[in-house]
């Protein structure tokens, strides 16, 4: 492994491709676990009208895209 430094402090690392692939696979697996957990506990149903009312000011800042 090779470390890149700035002012003597490590800021990045160059790793073998198989290590990078393993890290990416672990991150993907964690993303899948998080998505499944979120789907298992979706939270309360909130009517669209309530959401639009809550964010009316923010939504007004966007031009109509129709």
N, C-alpha and C. Protein backbone atom coordinates (compact mmCIF):
# COMPACT_ATOMS: atom_id res chain seq x y z
N UNK A 1 0.85 -1.15 0.00
CA UNK A 1 0.00 0.00 0.00
C UNK A 1 0.90 1.23 0.00
N UNK A 2 0.46 2.26 -0.71
CA UNK A 2 1.21 3.51 -0.79
C UNK A 2 0.33 4.62 -0.24
N UNK A 3 0.90 5.43 0.63
CA UNK A 3 0.16 6.54 1.20
C UNK A 3 0.63 7.84 0.56
N UNK A 4 -0.32 8.69 0.24
CA UNK A 4 -0.01 10.03 -0.23
C UNK A 4 -0.15 10.97 0.96
N UNK A 5 0.80 11.87 1.10
CA UNK A 5 0.78 12.75 2.27
C UNK A 5 0.79 14.21 1.83
N UNK A 6 0.34 15.04 2.74
CA UNK A 6 0.40 16.49 2.57
C UNK A 6 0.89 17.06 3.89
N UNK A 7 2.02 17.73 3.85
CA UNK A 7 2.65 18.25 5.07
C UNK A 7 2.87 17.14 6.09
N UNK A 8 3.24 15.97 5.59
CA UNK A 8 3.56 14.86 6.47
C UNK A 8 2.36 14.08 6.98
N UNK A 9 1.15 14.51 6.64
CA UNK A 9 -0.07 13.81 7.10
C UNK A 9 -0.65 12.99 5.97
N UNK A 10 -0.99 11.73 6.22
CA UNK A 10 -1.59 10.92 5.16
C UNK A 10 -2.96 11.47 4.76
N UNK A 11 -3.17 11.62 3.44
CA UNK A 11 -4.43 12.13 2.93
C UNK A 11 -5.12 11.15 2.00
N UNK A 12 -4.40 10.15 1.52
CA UNK A 12 -4.98 9.15 0.61
C UNK A 12 -4.07 7.93 0.60
N UNK A 13 -4.63 6.85 0.09
CA UNK A 13 -3.85 5.62 -0.03
C UNK A 13 -4.11 5.00 -1.38
N UNK A 14 -3.08 4.45 -1.97
CA UNK A 14 -3.20 3.69 -3.21
C UNK A 14 -3.16 2.22 -2.78
N UNK A 15 -4.23 1.51 -3.10
CA UNK A 15 -4.34 0.12 -2.66
C UNK A 15 -4.44 -0.80 -3.87
N UNK A 16 -4.10 -2.06 -3.71
CA UNK A 16 -4.26 -3.01 -4.81
C UNK A 16 -5.72 -3.09 -5.25
N UNK A 17 -5.93 -3.39 -6.52
CA UNK A 17 -7.27 -3.42 -7.09
C UNK A 17 -8.18 -4.40 -6.36
N UNK A 18 -7.65 -5.55 -5.93
CA UNK A 18 -8.50 -6.52 -5.25
C UNK A 18 -8.95 -6.00 -3.88
N UNK A 19 -8.12 -5.21 -3.23
CA UNK A 19 -8.51 -4.60 -1.96
C UNK A 19 -9.60 -3.56 -2.19
N UNK A 20 -9.42 -2.73 -3.22
CA UNK A 20 -10.44 -1.73 -3.55
C UNK A 20 -11.76 -2.40 -3.89
N UNK A 21 -11.72 -3.51 -4.63
CA UNK A 21 -12.95 -4.23 -4.98
C UNK A 21 -13.62 -4.80 -3.74
N UNK A 22 -12.83 -5.30 -2.81
CA UNK A 22 -13.39 -5.84 -1.56
C UNK A 22 -14.05 -4.74 -0.74
N UNK A 23 -13.40 -3.58 -0.67
CA UNK A 23 -13.98 -2.45 0.06
C UNK A 23 -15.28 -2.02 -0.59
N UNK A 24 -15.30 -1.93 -1.91
CA UNK A 24 -16.52 -1.55 -2.63
C UNK A 24 -17.64 -2.56 -2.38
N UNK A 25 -17.30 -3.85 -2.38
CA UNK A 25 -18.31 -4.89 -2.12
C UNK A 25 -18.89 -4.74 -0.71
N UNK A 26 -18.04 -4.44 0.26
CA UNK A 26 -18.53 -4.23 1.63
C UNK A 26 -19.43 -3.01 1.71
N UNK A 27 -19.05 -1.93 1.03
CA UNK A 27 -19.89 -0.73 1.02
C UNK A 27 -21.24 -1.01 0.36
N UNK A 28 -21.22 -1.75 -0.75
CA UNK A 28 -22.47 -2.09 -1.43
C UNK A 28 -23.36 -2.95 -0.54
N UNK A 29 -22.76 -3.90 0.16
CA UNK A 29 -23.53 -4.76 1.06
C UNK A 29 -24.15 -3.95 2.18
N UNK A 30 -23.43 -2.97 2.70
CA UNK A 30 -23.97 -2.10 3.76
C UNK A 30 -25.12 -1.26 3.21
N UNK A 31 -24.97 -0.76 1.98
CA UNK A 31 -26.06 0.01 1.36
C UNK A 31 -27.31 -0.85 1.21
N UNK A 32 -27.14 -2.10 0.82
CA UNK A 32 -28.28 -3.01 0.66
C UNK A 32 -28.93 -3.26 2.01
N UNK A 33 -28.12 -3.50 3.05
CA UNK A 33 -28.68 -3.71 4.40
C UNK A 33 -29.47 -2.49 4.86
N UNK A 34 -28.92 -1.30 4.63
CA UNK A 34 -29.60 -0.07 5.04
C UNK A 34 -30.91 0.12 4.28
N UNK A 35 -30.91 -0.19 3.00
CA UNK A 35 -32.13 -0.06 2.21
C UNK A 35 -33.19 -1.05 2.68
N UNK A 36 -32.77 -2.26 2.97
CA UNK A 36 -33.73 -3.26 3.46
C UNK A 36 -34.30 -2.85 4.83
N UNK A 37 -33.46 -2.32 5.68
CA UNK A 37 -33.93 -1.88 7.00
C UNK A 37 -34.93 -0.73 6.84
N UNK A 38 -34.65 0.19 5.94
CA UNK A 38 -35.55 1.31 5.72
C UNK A 38 -36.89 0.84 5.17
N UNK A 39 -36.85 -0.15 4.28
CA UNK A 39 -38.10 -0.67 3.72
C UNK A 39 -38.89 -1.45 4.76
N UNK A 40 -38.20 -2.08 5.70
CA UNK A 40 -38.88 -2.86 6.73
C UNK A 40 -39.60 -1.95 7.73
N UNK A 41 -39.10 -0.74 7.91
CA UNK A 41 -39.70 0.22 8.83
C UNK A 41 -39.90 1.54 8.09
N UNK A 42 -40.94 1.62 7.25
CA UNK A 42 -41.09 2.79 6.39
C UNK A 42 -41.50 4.07 7.10
N UNK A 43 -41.93 3.99 8.34
CA UNK A 43 -42.35 5.20 9.04
C UNK A 43 -43.80 5.51 8.77
N UNK A 44 -44.24 6.65 9.25
CA UNK A 44 -45.66 7.00 9.12
C UNK A 44 -46.01 7.42 7.70
N UNK A 45 -47.28 7.21 7.35
CA UNK A 45 -47.80 7.72 6.08
C UNK A 45 -48.12 9.20 6.27
N UNK A 46 -47.58 10.03 5.38
CA UNK A 46 -47.84 11.46 5.44
C UNK A 46 -48.49 11.87 4.13
N UNK A 47 -49.68 12.47 4.20
CA UNK A 47 -50.35 12.89 2.97
C UNK A 47 -49.50 13.90 2.19
N UNK A 48 -49.56 13.79 0.86
CA UNK A 48 -48.79 14.68 0.01
C UNK A 48 -49.12 16.14 0.30
N UNK A 49 -50.37 16.44 0.59
CA UNK A 49 -50.76 17.82 0.87
C UNK A 49 -50.00 18.38 2.06
N UNK A 50 -49.76 17.54 3.07
CA UNK A 50 -49.00 17.97 4.25
C UNK A 50 -47.55 18.27 3.90
N UNK A 51 -46.96 17.41 3.07
CA UNK A 51 -45.57 17.60 2.66
C UNK A 51 -45.45 18.89 1.84
N UNK A 52 -46.36 19.08 0.89
CA UNK A 52 -46.32 20.27 0.06
C UNK A 52 -46.49 21.53 0.90
N UNK A 53 -47.37 21.48 1.89
CA UNK A 53 -47.58 22.64 2.76
C UNK A 53 -46.33 22.93 3.58
N UNK A 54 -45.68 21.89 4.08
CA UNK A 54 -44.50 22.09 4.91
C UNK A 54 -43.34 22.69 4.11
N UNK A 55 -43.21 22.30 2.83
CA UNK A 55 -42.09 22.74 2.02
C UNK A 55 -42.50 23.75 0.95
N UNK A 56 -43.63 24.44 1.14
CA UNK A 56 -44.14 25.37 0.14
C UNK A 56 -43.12 26.46 -0.20
N UNK A 57 -42.47 27.01 0.80
CA UNK A 57 -41.50 28.09 0.54
C UNK A 57 -40.32 27.61 -0.30
N UNK A 58 -39.79 26.43 0.05
CA UNK A 58 -38.68 25.88 -0.71
C UNK A 58 -39.09 25.53 -2.13
N UNK A 59 -40.27 24.95 -2.28
CA UNK A 59 -40.76 24.56 -3.60
C UNK A 59 -41.03 25.77 -4.48
N UNK A 60 -41.44 26.86 -3.89
CA UNK A 60 -41.73 28.08 -4.67
C UNK A 60 -40.48 28.64 -5.33
N UNK A 61 -39.30 28.30 -4.81
CA UNK A 61 -38.06 28.79 -5.37
C UNK A 61 -37.71 28.12 -6.69
N UNK A 62 -38.33 26.98 -6.99
CA UNK A 62 -38.03 26.25 -8.22
C UNK A 62 -39.01 26.67 -9.32
N UNK A 63 -38.48 26.96 -10.51
CA UNK A 63 -39.39 27.33 -11.60
C UNK A 63 -40.20 26.12 -12.07
N UNK A 64 -41.35 26.40 -12.64
CA UNK A 64 -42.22 25.35 -13.15
C UNK A 64 -41.52 24.66 -14.34
N UNK A 65 -41.43 23.35 -14.32
CA UNK A 65 -40.71 22.60 -15.35
C UNK A 65 -41.66 21.96 -16.37
N UNK A 66 -42.90 22.39 -16.43
CA UNK A 66 -43.84 21.74 -17.35
C UNK A 66 -43.65 22.17 -18.75
